[in-house]
Amino acid sequence: MNWIEIGTINDIPRRGARCVNTPHGKIAVFRTMEDQIFAIDDHCPHKGGPLSQGIVHGAAVTCPLHNWVISLETGKALGADEGSVKTIAIRLDGDRILALLELATVAAE
């Protein structure tokens, strides 16, 4: 496992996201209004909706397809819904975003 740079905090608007392609699938990287950064698999556990296109509120994202709310901290569906997505460890080095990934290269969309 390696810490790999996947962009900078300025690449993501507050309450926004970007999608990063990896050999293991797409991950969604989120920035909250408070400048917290989170990364999770970019598919809703319900019907596979693109979470990177959802609405960020607090430390959660609402899926754009069926309004499931997913915790950015735990990857778990909130409320009455059940299911979860994988979370990816993130750290900031200045304004650089580093993700703990099992690969050598990534490509941002």
C-alpha atoms as a PDB file:
ATOM      1  CA  MET A   1       0.000   0.000   0.000  1.00  0.00           C
ATOM      2  CA  ASN A   2       1.324   3.410  -0.957  1.00  0.00           C
ATOM      3  CA  TRP A   3       0.319   6.997  -0.288  1.00  0.00           C
ATOM      4  CA  ILE A   4      -0.329   8.354  -3.775  1.00  0.00           C
ATOM      5  CA  GLU A   5      -1.001  11.970  -4.676  1.00  0.00           C
ATOM      6  CA  ILE A   6      -4.421  12.278  -6.314  1.00  0.00           C
ATOM      7  CA  GLY A   7      -4.700  16.066  -6.552  1.00  0.00           C
ATOM      8  CA  THR A   8      -4.893  19.161  -4.406  1.00  0.00           C
ATOM      9  CA  ILE A   9      -7.576  20.483  -2.113  1.00  0.00           C
ATOM     10  CA  ASN A  10      -8.072  23.348  -4.569  1.00  0.00           C
ATOM     11  CA  ASP A  11      -9.051  20.843  -7.286  1.00  0.00           C
ATOM     12  CA  ILE A  12     -12.304  20.179  -5.411  1.00  0.00           C
ATOM     13  CA  PRO A  13     -14.833  22.919  -4.669  1.00  0.00           C
ATOM     14  CA  ARG A  14     -16.244  23.137  -1.148  1.00  0.00           C
ATOM     15  CA  ARG A  15     -19.209  20.751  -0.851  1.00  0.00           C
ATOM     16  CA  GLY A  16     -18.044  19.112  -4.077  1.00  0.00           C
ATOM     17  CA  ALA A  17     -16.288  16.013  -5.378  1.00  0.00           C
ATOM     18  CA  ARG A  18     -14.111  14.628  -8.108  1.00  0.00           C
ATOM     19  CA  CYS A  19     -13.805  11.132  -9.474  1.00  0.00           C
ATOM     20  CA  VAL A  20     -10.452   9.334  -9.673  1.00  0.00           C
ATOM     21  CA  ASN A  21      -9.972   6.213 -11.806  1.00  0.00           C
ATOM     22  CA  THR A  22      -7.832   3.455 -10.338  1.00  0.00           C
ATOM     23  CA  PRO A  23      -7.110  -0.061 -11.620  1.00  0.00           C
ATOM     24  CA  HIS A  24      -9.458  -1.238  -8.821  1.00  0.00           C
ATOM     25  CA  GLY A  25     -12.344   1.029  -9.861  1.00  0.00           C
ATOM     26  CA  LYS A  26     -13.462   4.609  -9.442  1.00  0.00           C
ATOM     27  CA  ILE A  27     -13.177   6.440  -6.149  1.00  0.00           C
ATOM     28  CA  ALA A  28     -14.962   9.654  -5.244  1.00  0.00           C
ATOM     29  CA  VAL A  29     -12.984  12.301  -3.359  1.00  0.00           C
ATOM     30  CA  PHE A  30     -15.077  14.824  -1.419  1.00  0.00           C
ATOM     31  CA  ARG A  31     -14.407  18.200   0.201  1.00  0.00           C
ATOM     32  CA  THR A  32     -16.763  19.414   2.895  1.00  0.00           C
ATOM     33  CA  MET A  33     -17.602  23.035   3.657  1.00  0.00           C
ATOM     34  CA  GLU A  34     -15.119  22.752   6.563  1.00  0.00           C
ATOM     35  CA  ASP A  35     -12.348  21.572   4.162  1.00  0.00           C
ATOM     36  CA  GLN A  36     -12.382  17.977   5.380  1.00  0.00           C
ATOM     37  CA  ILE A  37     -11.394  15.512   2.645  1.00  0.00           C
ATOM     38  CA  PHE A  38     -12.902  12.024   2.338  1.00  0.00           C
ATOM     39  CA  ALA A  39     -12.682   9.264  -0.283  1.00  0.00           C
ATOM     40  CA  ILE A  40     -15.058   6.365  -0.900  1.00  0.00           C
ATOM     41  CA  ASP A  41     -15.880   4.000  -3.750  1.00  0.00           C
ATOM     42  CA  ASP A  42     -17.828   5.948  -6.385  1.00  0.00           C
ATOM     43  CA  HIS A  43     -20.914   3.744  -6.439  1.00  0.00           C
ATOM     44  CA  CYS A  44     -23.964   3.749  -4.218  1.00  0.00           C
ATOM     45  CA  PRO A  45     -24.626   0.403  -2.495  1.00  0.00           C
ATOM     46  CA  HIS A  46     -28.283   0.649  -3.584  1.00  0.00           C
ATOM     47  CA  LYS A  47     -28.165   0.704  -7.403  1.00  0.00           C
ATOM     48  CA  GLY A  48     -24.583   1.786  -8.161  1.00  0.00           C
ATOM     49  CA  GLY A  49     -25.291   5.500  -8.622  1.00  0.00           C
ATOM     50  CA  PRO A  50     -22.256   7.806  -9.058  1.00  0.00           C
ATOM     51  CA  LEU A  51     -21.738   9.243  -5.573  1.00  0.00           C
ATOM     52  CA  SER A  52     -19.228  11.782  -6.938  1.00  0.00           C
ATOM     53  CA  GLN A  53     -22.218  13.464  -8.626  1.00  0.00           C
ATOM     54  CA  GLY A  54     -24.233  13.610  -5.389  1.00  0.00           C
ATOM     55  CA  ILE A  55     -24.941  16.481  -3.024  1.00  0.00           C
ATOM     56  CA  VAL A  56     -22.448  16.900  -0.161  1.00  0.00           C
ATOM     57  CA  HIS A  57     -23.923  18.014   3.171  1.00  0.00           C
ATOM     58  CA  GLY A  58     -21.983  17.884   6.402  1.00  0.00           C
ATOM     59  CA  ALA A  59     -19.922  14.683   6.303  1.00  0.00           C
ATOM     60  CA  ALA A  60     -22.387  12.847   4.050  1.00  0.00           C
ATOM     61  CA  VAL A  61     -23.341  12.617   0.385  1.00  0.00           C
ATOM     62  CA  THR A  62     -26.785  12.027  -1.108  1.00  0.00           C
ATOM     63  CA  CYS A  63     -26.830   9.708  -4.118  1.00  0.00           C
ATOM     64  CA  PRO A  64     -28.164  11.484  -7.224  1.00  0.00           C
ATOM     65  CA  LEU A  65     -30.259   8.473  -8.313  1.00  0.00           C
ATOM     66  CA  HIS A  66     -32.451   7.499  -5.354  1.00  0.00           C
ATOM     67  CA  ASN A  67     -31.466   9.885  -2.530  1.00  0.00           C
ATOM     68  CA  TRP A  68     -29.665   7.377  -0.340  1.00  0.00           C
ATOM     69  CA  VAL A  69     -27.460   9.216   2.161  1.00  0.00           C
ATOM     70  CA  ILE A  70     -23.950   7.795   2.669  1.00  0.00           C
ATOM     71  CA  SER A  71     -21.599   8.748   5.513  1.00  0.00           C
ATOM     72  CA  LEU A  72     -18.283   9.997   4.132  1.00  0.00           C
ATOM     73  CA  GLU A  73     -16.599   8.986   7.408  1.00  0.00           C
ATOM     74  CA  THR A  74     -17.774   5.355   7.561  1.00  0.00           C
ATOM     75  CA  GLY A  75     -19.113   4.600   4.077  1.00  0.00           C
ATOM     76  CA  LYS A  76     -22.368   3.329   5.636  1.00  0.00           C
ATOM     77  CA  ALA A  77     -25.856   4.188   4.451  1.00  0.00           C
ATOM     78  CA  LEU A  78     -27.655   6.429   6.945  1.00  0.00           C
ATOM     79  CA  GLY A  79     -31.269   6.373   8.079  1.00  0.00           C
ATOM     80  CA  ALA A  80     -33.397   3.335   7.300  1.00  0.00           C
ATOM     81  CA  ASP A  81     -31.240   2.260   4.334  1.00  0.00           C
ATOM     82  CA  GLU A  82     -28.695  -0.545   4.701  1.00  0.00           C
ATOM     83  CA  GLY A  83     -25.429  -1.071   2.882  1.00  0.00           C
ATOM     84  CA  SER A  84     -21.983   0.457   2.672  1.00  0.00           C
ATOM     85  CA  VAL A  85     -19.136   1.399   0.384  1.00  0.00           C
ATOM     86  CA  LYS A  86     -15.411   1.084   0.939  1.00  0.00           C
ATOM     87  CA  THR A  87     -13.669   4.100   2.466  1.00  0.00           C
ATOM     88  CA  ILE A  88     -10.162   5.062   1.390  1.00  0.00           C
ATOM     89  CA  ALA A  89      -7.656   6.555   3.834  1.00  0.00           C
ATOM     90  CA  ILE A  90      -6.783  10.165   2.951  1.00  0.00           C
ATOM     91  CA  ARG A  91      -4.239  12.593   4.328  1.00  0.00           C
ATOM     92  CA  LEU A  92      -3.272  16.135   3.447  1.00  0.00           C
ATOM     93  CA  ASP A  93       0.327  17.223   2.896  1.00  0.00           C
ATOM     94  CA  GLY A  94      -0.033  20.985   2.639  1.00  0.00           C
ATOM     95  CA  ASP A  95      -2.640  21.339  -0.095  1.00  0.00           C
ATOM     96  CA  ARG A  96      -1.813  17.968  -1.701  1.00  0.00           C
ATOM     97  CA  ILE A  97      -4.310  15.121  -1.233  1.00  0.00           C
ATOM     98  CA  LEU A  98      -2.749  11.704  -0.686  1.00  0.00           C
ATOM     99  CA  ALA A  99      -4.733   8.451  -0.793  1.00  0.00           C
ATOM    100  CA  LEU A 100      -3.632   5.087   0.587  1.00  0.00           C
ATOM    101  CA  LEU A 101      -3.955   2.892  -2.501  1.00  0.00           C
ATOM    102  CA  GLU A 102      -2.676  -0.475  -3.683  1.00  0.00           C
ATOM    103  CA  LEU A 103      -1.450   0.795  -7.020  1.00  0.00           C
ATOM    104  CA  ALA A 104       1.219   2.831  -8.737  1.00  0.00           C
ATOM    105  CA  THR A 105      -0.807   5.209 -10.917  1.00  0.00           C
ATOM    106  CA  VAL A 106      -4.172   6.953 -10.888  1.00  0.00           C
ATOM    107  CA  ALA A 107      -5.941   9.215 -13.379  1.00  0.00           C
ATOM    108  CA  ALA A 108      -8.363  11.970 -12.411  1.00  0.00           C
ATOM    109  CA  GLU A 109     -11.511  12.589 -14.460  1.00  0.00           C
END
